[in-house]
Amino acid sequence: MKPKLPLFNNPELFQQALTHRSYVNENPNEKDNERLEFLGDAVLGFWVGKLLYDRYPEMSEAQLTRLRSALVNEKQLAELAENLSIGQLIRLGRGAQRDGGRENPALLSDTFEAIIGAYFLDAGIDAVRDYIYPLFSSLAEKIVRSPSDRAQTPNLVDCKNRFQQWALANHQQNPQYRIVKESGLDHAKEFTAEVLVNGEVYGTGTGHRKQIAEKCAAEDALLTLKKKGQMTKNE
């Protein structure tokens, strides 16, 4: 069954959740959805964490963290947004529309989070739980039960944590991350990050958020270490 958007008592909140800052640039009397996105990210993380905590009592803290990360990452939330047809509803400026904003994964993911934040303000925390649980229960089961996903379990591990463990074990230092490049328009920024240990660059990554760029840099570092034989596949 195709998922549906939550029903709002306050349509103005729903409209704000759909309003990108590029639209506000052309319509100054409107409010953008960035604060709602911040709130929705926190509420979503809380309820998905609670769902996994209750549903998988046999899982360790690390396993729960990996599974939650797989459920609320940009790619997964963008797919949810596509299934909910959110791209057709987003209020965008003309430039953002021309640049493919309705199909932009980062923008879709952010808008989904904004809708969750708005729904929390509109209907309360329990209503958000009742909306989120059916959506994410099936997704969690798919990841946990799929043999192909189990085979790819290392990819669900927080790459930053794994690289930190390697750096501490081999150099007794935490990795350092730095953003070395920003490109793109305001609504479609792309960041490039490097990860260093003892001043040496081990990996580079890009993403629509700084955190994603850093994770990609850590993943690149791990791949490089494996190619060089400095890390086993199971580490």
Protein backbone atom coordinates (compact mmCIF):
# COMPACT_ATOMS: atom_id res chain seq x y z
CA MET A 1 0.00 0.00 0.00
CA LYS A 2 1.34 3.43 -0.99
CA PRO A 3 2.13 5.54 2.10
CA LYS A 4 0.21 8.74 2.71
CA LEU A 5 1.12 12.09 4.19
CA PRO A 6 -0.20 12.86 7.69
CA LEU A 7 -3.43 14.86 7.99
CA PHE A 8 -2.94 18.32 9.46
CA ASN A 9 -5.35 20.32 11.55
CA ASN A 10 -3.43 23.48 10.69
CA PRO A 11 -2.91 23.73 6.90
CA GLU A 12 -0.59 26.72 7.33
CA LEU A 13 1.93 24.55 9.18
CA PHE A 14 1.82 22.01 6.38
CA GLN A 15 2.36 24.76 3.81
CA GLN A 16 5.37 26.06 5.73
CA ALA A 17 6.84 22.56 5.89
CA LEU A 18 6.73 22.48 2.08
CA THR A 19 8.28 25.93 1.64
CA HIS A 20 11.92 26.01 0.58
CA ARG A 21 13.99 29.12 1.20
CA SER A 22 14.27 29.69 -2.56
CA TYR A 23 10.50 30.29 -2.60
CA VAL A 24 10.77 32.74 0.29
CA ASN A 25 13.44 34.67 -1.60
CA GLU A 26 10.77 35.43 -4.19
CA ASN A 27 7.90 35.69 -1.69
CA PRO A 28 9.28 37.54 1.38
CA ASN A 29 6.03 37.31 3.36
CA GLU A 30 6.30 33.52 3.55
CA LYS A 31 8.25 31.42 6.08
CA ASP A 32 10.69 28.72 5.03
CA ASN A 33 10.83 25.20 6.48
CA GLU A 34 14.37 25.15 7.88
CA ARG A 35 13.42 25.43 11.57
CA LEU A 36 10.77 22.75 11.07
CA GLU A 37 13.40 20.56 9.42
CA PHE A 38 15.61 20.93 12.51
CA LEU A 39 12.73 19.93 14.77
CA GLY A 40 11.65 17.06 12.56
CA ASP A 41 15.15 15.61 12.45
CA ALA A 42 15.18 15.43 16.26
CA VAL A 43 11.67 13.97 16.56
CA LEU A 44 12.28 11.44 13.79
CA GLY A 45 15.55 10.28 15.33
CA PHE A 46 13.87 9.87 18.71
CA TRP A 47 10.93 7.79 17.52
CA VAL A 48 12.94 5.62 15.13
CA GLY A 49 15.39 4.96 17.96
CA LYS A 50 12.55 4.04 20.32
CA LEU A 51 10.99 1.79 17.68
CA LEU A 52 14.24 -0.13 17.19
CA TYR A 53 14.95 -0.31 20.93
CA ASP A 54 11.59 -1.96 21.57
CA ARG A 55 11.48 -4.15 18.46
CA TYR A 56 15.00 -5.62 18.62
CA PRO A 57 15.90 -6.30 22.27
CA GLU A 58 18.70 -8.64 21.18
CA MET A 59 20.61 -5.92 19.35
CA SER A 60 23.60 -4.14 20.86
CA GLU A 61 23.91 -0.36 21.03
CA ALA A 62 26.23 -0.40 18.01
CA GLN A 63 23.80 -2.52 15.96
CA LEU A 64 20.88 -0.27 16.86
CA THR A 65 22.90 2.79 15.89
CA ARG A 66 23.82 1.30 12.52
CA LEU A 67 20.24 0.32 11.79
CA ARG A 68 18.88 3.73 12.77
CA SER A 69 21.47 5.41 10.54
CA ALA A 70 20.38 3.24 7.62
CA LEU A 71 16.74 4.19 8.19
CA VAL A 72 17.08 7.96 8.53
CA ASN A 73 19.89 8.72 6.09
CA GLU A 74 19.38 11.07 3.16
CA LYS A 75 18.86 8.33 0.59
CA GLN A 76 16.20 6.51 2.60
CA LEU A 77 14.28 9.66 3.50
CA ALA A 78 14.42 10.85 -0.11
CA GLU A 79 12.92 7.55 -1.25
CA LEU A 80 10.16 7.93 1.31
CA ALA A 81 9.53 11.47 0.10
CA GLU A 82 9.29 10.22 -3.49
CA ASN A 83 6.77 7.55 -2.47
CA LEU A 84 4.75 10.28 -0.75
CA SER A 85 4.92 12.48 -3.89
CA ILE A 86 6.44 15.28 -1.82
CA GLY A 87 8.49 16.52 -4.78
CA GLN A 88 5.29 17.58 -6.54
CA LEU A 89 4.19 19.61 -3.53
CA ILE A 90 7.38 21.47 -2.54
CA ARG A 91 7.15 25.22 -2.91
CA LEU A 92 10.29 26.21 -4.79
CA GLY A 93 11.67 29.34 -6.36
CA ARG A 94 11.86 29.43 -10.13
CA GLY A 95 15.60 28.84 -10.19
CA ALA A 96 15.39 25.85 -7.89
CA GLN A 97 12.67 24.35 -10.05
CA ARG A 98 14.76 24.79 -13.21
CA ASP A 99 17.69 23.09 -11.47
CA GLY A 100 15.68 19.96 -10.70
CA GLY A 101 14.90 20.75 -7.08
CA ARG A 102 11.84 18.49 -7.07
CA GLU A 103 14.09 15.47 -7.68
CA ASN A 104 16.98 16.58 -5.46
CA PRO A 105 17.54 13.88 -2.77
CA ALA A 106 18.83 16.35 -0.17
CA LEU A 107 15.88 18.67 -0.70
CA LEU A 108 13.37 15.79 -0.59
CA SER A 109 14.93 14.43 2.60
CA ASP A 110 14.93 17.85 4.27
CA THR A 111 11.29 18.45 3.34
CA PHE A 112 10.23 15.12 4.77
CA GLU A 113 11.92 16.05 8.06
CA ALA A 114 10.18 19.45 7.98
CA ILE A 115 6.82 17.73 7.57
CA ILE A 116 7.54 15.55 10.60
CA GLY A 117 8.47 18.65 12.61
CA ALA A 118 5.31 20.44 11.52
CA TYR A 119 3.15 17.43 12.33
CA PHE A 120 4.66 17.28 15.81
CA LEU A 121 3.60 20.90 16.40
CA ASP A 122 0.21 20.27 14.82
CA ALA A 123 -0.83 16.99 16.44
CA GLY A 124 1.65 16.14 19.20
CA ILE A 125 4.32 13.57 19.88
CA ASP A 126 2.02 10.53 20.05
CA ALA A 127 0.50 11.31 16.66
CA VAL A 128 4.00 11.45 15.17
CA ARG A 129 4.76 8.04 16.69
CA ASP A 130 1.58 6.58 15.20
CA TYR A 131 2.54 7.94 11.80
CA ILE A 132 6.23 6.98 11.89
CA TYR A 133 6.00 3.45 13.28
CA PRO A 134 4.15 1.82 10.35
CA LEU A 135 6.47 3.51 7.84
CA PHE A 136 9.72 2.53 9.49
CA SER A 137 8.78 -0.87 10.94
CA SER A 138 8.56 -2.43 7.50
CA LEU A 139 11.73 -0.72 6.34
CA ALA A 140 13.62 -1.97 9.39
CA GLU A 141 12.40 -5.53 8.83
CA LYS A 142 13.47 -5.37 5.21
CA ILE A 143 17.00 -4.39 6.18
CA VAL A 144 17.27 -6.90 9.01
CA ARG A 145 15.81 -9.88 7.16
CA SER A 146 17.20 -9.41 3.66
CA PRO A 147 20.18 -11.74 3.05
CA SER A 148 21.71 -9.25 0.63
CA ASP A 149 21.50 -6.51 3.23
CA ARG A 150 23.01 -8.76 5.88
CA ALA A 151 25.88 -9.46 3.53
CA GLN A 152 26.43 -5.72 3.27
CA THR A 153 26.25 -5.11 7.03
CA PRO A 154 29.70 -3.46 7.19
CA ASN A 155 28.34 -0.72 4.91
CA LEU A 156 25.75 0.16 7.57
CA VAL A 157 28.40 0.74 10.19
CA ASP A 158 29.12 4.35 10.93
CA CYS A 159 32.25 4.79 8.86
CA LYS A 160 33.46 7.63 11.05
CA ASN A 161 33.40 5.38 14.11
CA ARG A 162 35.21 2.58 12.30
CA PHE A 163 37.93 4.88 11.02
CA GLN A 164 38.27 6.46 14.45
CA GLN A 165 38.83 3.02 15.97
CA TRP A 166 41.53 2.31 13.39
CA ALA A 167 43.23 5.67 13.94
CA LEU A 168 43.27 5.24 17.71
CA ALA A 169 44.60 1.69 17.45
CA ASN A 170 47.32 2.54 14.95
CA HIS A 171 48.22 6.17 15.65
CA GLN A 172 46.74 6.89 19.11
CA GLN A 173 44.98 9.92 17.63
CA ASN A 174 41.44 10.82 16.63
CA PRO A 175 40.90 11.66 12.97
CA GLN A 176 40.39 15.28 12.02
CA TYR A 177 37.83 16.41 9.43
CA ARG A 178 37.91 19.59 7.39
CA ILE A 179 35.66 21.01 4.69
CA VAL A 180 37.91 21.94 1.79
CA LYS A 181 35.34 22.99 -0.81
CA GLU A 182 31.78 24.25 -1.15
CA SER A 183 30.03 24.45 -4.50
CA GLY A 184 26.57 24.76 -5.99
CA LEU A 185 23.62 27.05 -5.43
CA ASP A 186 22.14 27.68 -2.00
CA HIS A 187 19.39 25.10 -2.44
CA ALA A 188 21.78 22.42 -3.76
CA LYS A 189 25.08 22.91 -1.95
CA GLU A 190 27.76 20.27 -2.26
CA PHE A 191 30.55 19.97 0.29
CA THR A 192 33.91 18.24 -0.05
CA ALA A 193 35.57 16.96 3.12
CA GLU A 194 38.96 15.45 3.92
CA VAL A 195 39.84 13.24 6.85
CA LEU A 196 43.36 13.41 8.27
CA VAL A 197 45.44 11.54 10.83
CA ASN A 198 48.75 13.05 11.95
CA GLY A 199 48.34 15.65 9.23
CA GLU A 200 48.08 13.05 6.45
CA VAL A 201 44.95 12.93 4.27
CA TYR A 202 43.45 9.45 4.27
CA GLY A 203 40.19 10.04 2.45
CA THR A 204 38.02 12.53 0.58
CA GLY A 205 34.24 12.63 0.21
CA THR A 206 31.41 14.82 -1.04
CA GLY A 207 27.81 15.28 0.02
CA HIS A 208 24.92 17.72 0.21
CA ARG A 209 25.58 18.11 3.93
CA LYS A 210 28.86 18.54 5.76
CA GLN A 211 28.13 15.46 7.90
CA ILE A 212 27.51 13.33 4.82
CA ALA A 213 30.70 14.59 3.19
CA GLU A 214 32.65 13.63 6.32
CA LYS A 215 31.13 10.14 6.38
CA CYS A 216 31.99 9.68 2.72
CA ALA A 217 35.55 10.79 3.46
CA ALA A 218 35.77 8.21 6.24
CA GLU A 219 34.39 5.53 3.92
CA ASP A 220 36.98 6.49 1.29
CA ALA A 221 39.69 6.22 3.94
CA LEU A 222 38.51 2.74 4.94
CA LEU A 223 38.50 1.57 1.31
CA THR A 224 42.02 2.92 0.83
CA LEU A 225 43.24 1.10 3.94
CA LYS A 226 41.72 -2.16 2.73
CA LYS A 227 43.32 -1.80 -0.71
CA LYS A 228 46.68 -1.27 0.96
CA GLY A 229 46.15 -4.27 3.22
CA GLN A 230 46.18 -2.13 6.35
CA MET A 231 42.66 -3.16 7.36
CA THR A 232 40.83 -6.47 7.04
CA LYS A 233 37.34 -6.80 5.59
CA ASN A 234 35.97 -7.66 9.03
CA GLU A 235 37.39 -4.64 10.84
